[in-house]
Amino acid sequence: MANHINGNADGSNGQNESYTIPGRGVVKRSQLVSEVKKNKHPNFHVIDINGEEYVRANPNKKKIDNVDK
């Protein structure tokens, strides 16, 4: 279970094609989306943008918890 997930902005238009989880390293977007859908990271959710799924932090007031700080 990850407490912090950072988007890498490594897609052609700056979208996250991978994410970095401290202590685990780089994870492909498709793998992380699958893990979040299986509730392996309960502080995060999946959103659909133009048919592509991305991981986002659940809303709270802590900027440090945002995927894209």
PDB file of N, CA and C in Angstrom:
ATOM      1  N   MET A   1       0.841  -1.173   0.000  1.00  0.00           N
ATOM      2  CA  MET A   1       0.000   0.000   0.000  1.00  0.00           C
ATOM      3  C   MET A   1       0.889   1.241   0.000  1.00  0.00           C
ATOM      4  N   ALA A   2       0.652   2.108  -0.968  1.00  0.00           N
ATOM      5  CA  ALA A   2       1.434   3.330  -1.080  1.00  0.00           C
ATOM      6  C   ALA A   2       0.753   4.481  -0.351  1.00  0.00           C
ATOM      7  N   ASN A   3       1.547   5.273   0.339  1.00  0.00           N
ATOM      8  CA  ASN A   3       1.043   6.501   0.948  1.00  0.00           C
ATOM      9  C   ASN A   3       1.276   7.691   0.040  1.00  0.00           C
ATOM     10  N   HIS A   4       2.307   7.614  -0.773  1.00  0.00           N
ATOM     11  CA  HIS A   4       2.633   8.684  -1.708  1.00  0.00           C
ATOM     12  C   HIS A   4       2.885   8.074  -3.080  1.00  0.00           C
ATOM     13  N   ILE A   5       2.310   8.681  -4.097  1.00  0.00           N
ATOM     14  CA  ILE A   5       2.527   8.272  -5.479  1.00  0.00           C
ATOM     15  C   ILE A   5       2.776   9.539  -6.271  1.00  0.00           C
ATOM     16  N   ASN A   6       3.850   9.558  -7.040  1.00  0.00           N
ATOM     17  CA  ASN A   6       4.199  10.725  -7.832  1.00  0.00           C
ATOM     18  C   ASN A   6       4.037  10.423  -9.319  1.00  0.00           C
ATOM     19  N   GLY A   7       3.325  11.296 -10.024  1.00  0.00           N
ATOM     20  CA  GLY A   7       3.214  11.175 -11.471  1.00  0.00           C
ATOM     21  C   GLY A   7       4.504  11.616 -12.127  1.00  0.00           C
ATOM     22  N   ASN A   8       4.931  10.929 -13.179  1.00  0.00           N
ATOM     23  CA  ASN A   8       6.205  11.237 -13.823  1.00  0.00           C
ATOM     24  C   ASN A   8       6.094  12.183 -15.014  1.00  0.00           C
ATOM     25  N   ALA A   9       4.878  12.512 -15.450  1.00  0.00           N
ATOM     26  CA  ALA A   9       4.676  13.432 -16.587  1.00  0.00           C
ATOM     27  C   ALA A   9       5.564  13.043 -17.760  1.00  0.00           C
ATOM     28  N   ASP A  10       5.624  11.757 -18.067  1.00  0.00           N
ATOM     29  CA  ASP A  10       6.536  11.246 -19.083  1.00  0.00           C
ATOM     30  C   ASP A  10       5.855  10.896 -20.405  1.00  0.00           C
ATOM     31  N   GLY A  11       4.597  11.279 -20.564  1.00  0.00           N
ATOM     32  CA  GLY A  11       3.888  11.059 -21.824  1.00  0.00           C
ATOM     33  C   GLY A  11       4.189  12.175 -22.811  1.00  0.00           C
ATOM     34  N   SER A  12       3.781  12.006 -24.047  1.00  0.00           N
ATOM     35  CA  SER A  12       4.085  12.968 -25.104  1.00  0.00           C
ATOM     36  C   SER A  12       3.518  14.359 -24.832  1.00  0.00           C
ATOM     37  N   ASN A  13       2.411  14.440 -24.106  1.00  0.00           N
ATOM     38  CA  ASN A  13       1.828  15.739 -23.766  1.00  0.00           C
ATOM     39  C   ASN A  13       1.916  16.033 -22.278  1.00  0.00           C
ATOM     40  N   GLY A  14       2.830  15.384 -21.591  1.00  0.00           N
ATOM     41  CA  GLY A  14       3.024  15.608 -20.173  1.00  0.00           C
ATOM     42  C   GLY A  14       2.125  14.768 -19.287  1.00  0.00           C
ATOM     43  N   GLN A  15       1.343  13.864 -19.869  1.00  0.00           N
ATOM     44  CA  GLN A  15       0.510  12.995 -19.053  1.00  0.00           C
ATOM     45  C   GLN A  15       1.381  11.939 -18.374  1.00  0.00           C
ATOM     46  N   ASN A  16       0.830  11.309 -17.363  1.00  0.00           N
ATOM     47  CA  ASN A  16       1.579  10.291 -16.620  1.00  0.00           C
ATOM     48  C   ASN A  16       1.440   8.932 -17.291  1.00  0.00           C
ATOM     49  N   GLU A  17       2.507   8.468 -17.896  1.00  0.00           N
ATOM     50  CA  GLU A  17       2.556   7.116 -18.444  1.00  0.00           C
ATOM     51  C   GLU A  17       3.134   6.157 -17.419  1.00  0.00           C
ATOM     52  N   SER A  18       3.765   6.719 -16.395  1.00  0.00           N
ATOM     53  CA  SER A  18       4.276   5.934 -15.269  1.00  0.00           C
ATOM     54  C   SER A  18       4.220   6.800 -14.021  1.00  0.00           C
ATOM     55  N   TYR A  19       4.334   6.123 -12.900  1.00  0.00           N
ATOM     56  CA  TYR A  19       4.306   6.786 -11.598  1.00  0.00           C
ATOM     57  C   TYR A  19       5.468   6.252 -10.777  1.00  0.00           C
ATOM     58  N   THR A  20       5.932   7.038  -9.813  1.00  0.00           N
ATOM     59  CA  THR A  20       6.972   6.584  -8.909  1.00  0.00           C
ATOM     60  C   THR A  20       6.385   6.446  -7.516  1.00  0.00           C
ATOM     61  N   ILE A  21       6.601   5.281  -6.928  1.00  0.00           N
ATOM     62  CA  ILE A  21       6.189   5.022  -5.566  1.00  0.00           C
ATOM     63  C   ILE A  21       7.473   4.930  -4.736  1.00  0.00           C
ATOM     64  N   PRO A  22       7.659   5.851  -3.766  1.00  0.00           N
ATOM     65  CA  PRO A  22       8.876   5.807  -2.949  1.00  0.00           C
ATOM     66  C   PRO A  22       9.060   4.439  -2.302  1.00  0.00           C
ATOM     67  N   GLY A  23      10.272   3.910  -2.422  1.00  0.00           N
ATOM     68  CA  GLY A  23      10.587   2.596  -1.874  1.00  0.00           C
ATOM     69  C   GLY A  23      10.286   1.448  -2.814  1.00  0.00           C
ATOM     70  N   ARG A  24       9.552   1.737  -3.890  1.00  0.00           N
ATOM     71  CA  ARG A  24       9.211   0.695  -4.863  1.00  0.00           C
ATOM     72  C   ARG A  24       9.782   1.007  -6.234  1.00  0.00           C
ATOM     73  N   GLY A  25       9.786   2.273  -6.593  1.00  0.00           N
ATOM     74  CA  GLY A  25      10.314   2.673  -7.890  1.00  0.00           C
ATOM     75  C   GLY A  25       9.225   3.003  -8.887  1.00  0.00           C
ATOM     76  N   VAL A  26       9.568   2.931 -10.162  1.00  0.00           N
ATOM     77  CA  VAL A  26       8.671   3.314 -11.248  1.00  0.00           C
ATOM     78  C   VAL A  26       7.705   2.173 -11.567  1.00  0.00           C
ATOM     79  N   VAL A  27       6.418   2.548 -11.728  1.00  0.00           N
ATOM     80  CA  VAL A  27       5.362   1.589 -12.049  1.00  0.00           C
ATOM     81  C   VAL A  27       4.603   2.121 -13.261  1.00  0.00           C
ATOM     82  N   LYS A  28       4.370   1.275 -14.255  1.00  0.00           N
ATOM     83  CA  LYS A  28       3.607   1.677 -15.440  1.00  0.00           C
ATOM     84  C   LYS A  28       2.183   2.058 -15.041  1.00  0.00           C
ATOM     85  N   ARG A  29       1.622   2.990 -15.782  1.00  0.00           N
ATOM     86  CA  ARG A  29       0.271   3.474 -15.497  1.00  0.00           C
ATOM     87  C   ARG A  29      -0.735   2.329 -15.466  1.00  0.00           C
ATOM     88  N   SER A  30      -0.699   1.451 -16.459  1.00  0.00           N
ATOM     89  CA  SER A  30      -1.670   0.353 -16.520  1.00  0.00           C
ATOM     90  C   SER A  30      -1.593  -0.539 -15.282  1.00  0.00           C
ATOM     91  N   GLN A  31      -0.400  -0.807 -14.808  1.00  0.00           N
ATOM     92  CA  GLN A  31      -0.225  -1.641 -13.613  1.00  0.00           C
ATOM     93  C   GLN A  31      -0.780  -0.940 -12.382  1.00  0.00           C
ATOM     94  N   LEU A  32      -0.484   0.362 -12.228  1.00  0.00           N
ATOM     95  CA  LEU A  32      -0.954   1.088 -11.054  1.00  0.00           C
ATOM     96  C   LEU A  32      -2.475   1.246 -11.073  1.00  0.00           C
ATOM     97  N   VAL A  33      -3.043   1.498 -12.243  1.00  0.00           N
ATOM     98  CA  VAL A  33      -4.497   1.592 -12.364  1.00  0.00           C
ATOM     99  C   VAL A  33      -5.130   0.280 -11.896  1.00  0.00           C
ATOM    100  N   SER A  34      -4.579  -0.833 -12.329  1.00  0.00           N
ATOM    101  CA  SER A  34      -5.087  -2.133 -11.926  1.00  0.00           C
ATOM    102  C   SER A  34      -5.004  -2.314 -10.409  1.00  0.00           C
ATOM    103  N   GLU A  35      -3.900  -1.936  -9.820  1.00  0.00           N
ATOM    104  CA  GLU A  35      -3.719  -2.067  -8.374  1.00  0.00           C
ATOM    105  C   GLU A  35      -4.710  -1.191  -7.614  1.00  0.00           C
ATOM    106  N   VAL A  36      -4.925   0.025  -8.074  1.00  0.00           N
ATOM    107  CA  VAL A  36      -5.859   0.932  -7.403  1.00  0.00           C
ATOM    108  C   VAL A  36      -7.280   0.387  -7.502  1.00  0.00           C
ATOM    109  N   LYS A  37      -7.644  -0.144  -8.657  1.00  0.00           N
ATOM    110  CA  LYS A  37      -8.976  -0.735  -8.816  1.00  0.00           C
ATOM    111  C   LYS A  37      -9.182  -1.933  -7.889  1.00  0.00           C
ATOM    112  N   LYS A  38      -8.105  -2.609  -7.538  1.00  0.00           N
ATOM    113  CA  LYS A  38      -8.181  -3.742  -6.606  1.00  0.00           C
ATOM    114  C   LYS A  38      -8.063  -3.285  -5.152  1.00  0.00           C
ATOM    115  N   ASN A  39      -8.101  -1.979  -4.940  1.00  0.00           N
ATOM    116  CA  ASN A  39      -8.046  -1.351  -3.615  1.00  0.00           C
ATOM    117  C   ASN A  39      -6.736  -1.625  -2.874  1.00  0.00           C
ATOM    118  N   LYS A  40      -5.653  -1.799  -3.624  1.00  0.00           N
ATOM    119  CA  LYS A  40      -4.351  -2.000  -3.000  1.00  0.00           C
ATOM    120  C   LYS A  40      -3.750  -0.689  -2.503  1.00  0.00           C
ATOM    121  N   HIS A  41      -4.293   0.433  -2.961  1.00  0.00           N
ATOM    122  CA  HIS A  41      -3.845   1.767  -2.543  1.00  0.00           C
ATOM    123  C   HIS A  41      -5.101   2.577  -2.206  1.00  0.00           C
ATOM    124  N   PRO A  42      -5.655   2.398  -1.002  1.00  0.00           N
ATOM    125  CA  PRO A  42      -6.964   2.968  -0.676  1.00  0.00           C
ATOM    126  C   PRO A  42      -7.025   4.491  -0.629  1.00  0.00           C
ATOM    127  N   ASN A  43      -5.905   5.165  -0.612  1.00  0.00           N
ATOM    128  CA  ASN A  43      -5.920   6.631  -0.597  1.00  0.00           C
ATOM    129  C   ASN A  43      -5.929   7.226  -2.001  1.00  0.00           C
ATOM    130  N   PHE A  44      -6.138   6.377  -3.010  1.00  0.00           N
ATOM    131  CA  PHE A  44      -6.100   6.813  -4.403  1.00  0.00           C
ATOM    132  C   PHE A  44      -7.307   6.269  -5.150  1.00  0.00           C
ATOM    133  N   HIS A  45      -7.632   6.900  -6.279  1.00  0.00           N
ATOM    134  CA  HIS A  45      -8.739   6.455  -7.122  1.00  0.00           C
ATOM    135  C   HIS A  45      -8.345   6.598  -8.584  1.00  0.00           C
ATOM    136  N   VAL A  46      -9.155   6.037  -9.465  1.00  0.00           N
ATOM    137  CA  VAL A  46      -8.900   6.076 -10.902  1.00  0.00           C
ATOM    138  C   VAL A  46      -9.894   7.034 -11.548  1.00  0.00           C
ATOM    139  N   ILE A  47      -9.382   7.862 -12.463  1.00  0.00           N
ATOM    140  CA  ILE A  47     -10.250   8.741 -13.244  1.00  0.00           C
ATOM    141  C   ILE A  47     -10.060   8.428 -14.721  1.00  0.00           C
ATOM    142  N   ASP A  48     -11.086   8.714 -15.508  1.00  0.00           N
ATOM    143  CA  ASP A  48     -11.043   8.510 -16.955  1.00  0.00           C
ATOM    144  C   ASP A  48     -10.998   9.874 -17.633  1.00  0.00           C
ATOM    145  N   ILE A  49      -9.976  10.082 -18.429  1.00  0.00           N
ATOM    146  CA  ILE A  49      -9.844  11.318 -19.199  1.00  0.00           C
ATOM    147  C   ILE A  49      -9.722  10.928 -20.663  1.00  0.00           C
ATOM    148  N   ASN A  50     -10.752  11.247 -21.430  1.00  0.00           N
ATOM    149  CA  ASN A  50     -10.770  10.933 -22.863  1.00  0.00           C
ATOM    150  C   ASN A  50     -10.452   9.470 -23.154  1.00  0.00           C
ATOM    151  N   GLY A  51     -11.028   8.577 -22.350  1.00  0.00           N
ATOM    152  CA  GLY A  51     -10.841   7.149 -22.579  1.00  0.00           C
ATOM    153  C   GLY A  51      -9.572   6.564 -21.994  1.00  0.00           C
ATOM    154  N   GLU A  52      -8.759   7.369 -21.337  1.00  0.00           N
ATOM    155  CA  GLU A  52      -7.530   6.892 -20.696  1.00  0.00           C
ATOM    156  C   GLU A  52      -7.697   6.978 -19.186  1.00  0.00           C
ATOM    157  N   GLU A  53      -7.286   5.948 -18.467  1.00  0.00           N
ATOM    158  CA  GLU A  53      -7.415   5.932 -17.020  1.00  0.00           C
ATOM    159  C   GLU A  53      -6.109   6.362 -16.355  1.00  0.00           C
ATOM    160  N   TYR A  54      -6.258   7.194 -15.326  1.00  0.00           N
ATOM    161  CA  TYR A  54      -5.125   7.724 -14.573  1.00  0.00           C
ATOM    162  C   TYR A  54      -5.407   7.598 -13.086  1.00  0.00           C
ATOM    163  N   VAL A  55      -4.346   7.585 -12.302  1.00  0.00           N
ATOM    164  CA  VAL A  55      -4.460   7.503 -10.852  1.00  0.00           C
ATOM    165  C   VAL A  55      -4.385   8.904 -10.265  1.00  0.00           C
ATOM    166  N   ARG A  56      -5.266   9.159  -9.294  1.00  0.00           N
ATOM    167  CA  ARG A  56      -5.275  10.430  -8.586  1.00  0.00           C
ATOM    168  C   ARG A  56      -5.416  10.150  -7.096  1.00  0.00           C
ATOM    169  N   ALA A  57      -4.888  11.055  -6.289  1.00  0.00           N
ATOM    170  CA  ALA A  57      -5.046  10.955  -4.841  1.00  0.00           C
ATOM    171  C   ALA A  57      -6.467  11.331  -4.460  1.00  0.00           C
ATOM    172  N   ASN A  58      -6.985  10.677  -3.432  1.00  0.00           N
ATOM    173  CA  ASN A  58      -8.286  11.076  -2.915  1.00  0.00           C
ATOM    174  C   ASN A  58      -8.173  12.490  -2.358  1.00  0.00           C
ATOM    175  N   PRO A  59      -9.221  13.295  -2.512  1.00  0.00           N
ATOM    176  CA  PRO A  59      -9.150  14.697  -2.096  1.00  0.00           C
ATOM    177  C   PRO A  59      -8.904  14.862  -0.597  1.00  0.00           C
ATOM    178  N   ASN A  60      -8.005  15.765  -0.296  1.00  0.00           N
ATOM    179  CA  ASN A  60      -7.815  16.281   1.052  1.00  0.00           C
ATOM    180  C   ASN A  60      -7.082  17.615   0.912  1.00  0.00           C
ATOM    181  N   LYS A  61      -6.765  18.241   1.975  1.00  0.00           N
ATOM    182  CA  LYS A  61      -6.177  19.585   1.912  1.00  0.00           C
ATOM    183  C   LYS A  61      -4.655  19.585   1.941  1.00  0.00           C
ATOM    184  N   LYS A  62      -4.014  18.419   1.879  1.00  0.00           N
ATOM    185  CA  LYS A  62      -2.556  18.345   1.933  1.00  0.00           C
ATOM    186  C   LYS A  62      -1.982  18.317   0.530  1.00  0.00           C
ATOM    187  N   LYS A  63      -1.297  19.372   0.133  1.00  0.00           N
ATOM    188  CA  LYS A  63      -0.694  19.429  -1.201  1.00  0.00           C
ATOM    189  C   LYS A  63       0.298  18.281  -1.419  1.00  0.00           C
ATOM    190  N   ILE A  64       1.023  17.907  -0.400  1.00  0.00           N
ATOM    191  CA  ILE A  64       2.021  16.850  -0.521  1.00  0.00           C
ATOM    192  C   ILE A  64       1.400  15.525  -0.950  1.00  0.00           C
ATOM    193  N   ASP A  65       0.104  15.336  -0.684  1.00  0.00           N
ATOM    194  CA  ASP A  65      -0.564  14.087  -1.040  1.00  0.00           C
ATOM    195  C   ASP A  65      -1.033  14.045  -2.487  1.00  0.00           C
ATOM    196  N   ASN A  66      -0.949  15.134  -3.223  1.00  0.00           N
ATOM    197  CA  ASN A  66      -1.389  15.161  -4.613  1.00  0.00           C
ATOM    198  C   ASN A  66      -0.409  14.391  -5.492  1.00  0.00           C
ATOM    199  N   VAL A  67      -0.939  13.664  -6.480  1.00  0.00           N
ATOM    200  CA  VAL A  67      -0.076  12.919  -7.403  1.00  0.00           C
ATOM    201  C   VAL A  67       0.787  13.891  -8.201  1.00  0.00           C
ATOM    202  N   ASP A  68       0.195  14.951  -8.734  1.00  0.00           N
ATOM    203  CA  ASP A  68       0.945  15.959  -9.487  1.00  0.00           C
ATOM    204  C   ASP A  68       1.039  17.226  -8.650  1.00  0.00           C
ATOM    205  N   LYS A  69       2.102  17.310  -7.836  1.00  0.00           N
ATOM    206  CA  LYS A  69       2.286  18.425  -6.908  1.00  0.00           C
ATOM    207  C   LYS A  69       2.491  19.734  -7.625  1.00  0.00           C
TER     208      LYS A  69
END
